[in-house]
């Protein structure tokens, strides 16, 4: 994981600490999955 990604992740966690934790957690998971899919597509395009 890159440093930038960790900073963004920490920012999301700080932003969403509170009553909206469950929504924030699912949002972060969805974003993470989307990033992984995009990275996968780039890798398969390179081959």
Protein backbone atom coordinates (compact mmCIF):
# COMPACT_ATOMS: atom_id res chain seq x y z
CA UNK A 1 0.00 0.00 0.00
CA UNK A 2 1.25 3.45 -0.88
CA UNK A 3 1.68 6.21 1.69
CA UNK A 4 -0.90 8.37 -0.12
CA UNK A 5 -3.49 5.59 0.13
CA UNK A 6 -2.86 5.22 3.86
CA UNK A 7 -3.26 8.98 4.36
CA UNK A 8 -6.60 8.98 2.51
CA UNK A 9 -7.74 5.94 4.50
CA UNK A 10 -6.83 7.63 7.80
CA UNK A 11 -8.68 10.76 6.67
CA UNK A 12 -11.83 8.72 5.98
CA UNK A 13 -11.59 7.03 9.37
CA UNK A 14 -11.22 10.39 11.17
CA UNK A 15 -14.05 11.93 9.15
CA UNK A 16 -16.48 9.12 9.89
CA UNK A 17 -15.77 8.40 13.56
CA UNK A 18 -19.19 8.73 15.14
CA UNK A 19 -22.77 7.55 14.58
CA UNK A 20 -22.25 6.91 10.86
CA UNK A 21 -19.52 4.33 11.50
CA UNK A 22 -21.34 1.43 9.81
CA UNK A 23 -22.06 3.48 6.68
CA UNK A 24 -18.47 4.73 6.61
CA UNK A 25 -17.04 1.23 7.02
CA UNK A 26 -19.10 -0.18 4.15
CA UNK A 27 -18.20 2.85 2.01
CA UNK A 28 -14.48 2.33 2.67
CA UNK A 29 -14.80 -1.38 1.86
CA UNK A 30 -16.61 -0.62 -1.42
CA UNK A 31 -13.99 2.00 -2.34
CA UNK A 32 -11.21 -0.47 -1.56
CA UNK A 33 -12.81 -3.14 -3.74
CA UNK A 34 -13.26 -0.65 -6.59
CA UNK A 35 -9.59 0.35 -6.37
CA UNK A 36 -8.54 -3.32 -6.45
CA UNK A 37 -10.70 -3.96 -9.54
CA UNK A 38 -9.24 -0.91 -11.33
CA UNK A 39 -5.67 -2.03 -10.49
CA UNK A 40 -6.53 -5.52 -11.78
CA UNK A 41 -7.79 -4.08 -15.08
CA UNK A 42 -4.60 -2.04 -15.53
CA UNK A 43 -2.46 -5.11 -14.84
CA UNK A 44 -4.35 -7.27 -17.35
CA UNK A 45 -4.14 -4.48 -19.95
CA UNK A 46 -0.34 -4.39 -19.60
CA UNK A 47 0.07 -8.13 -20.27
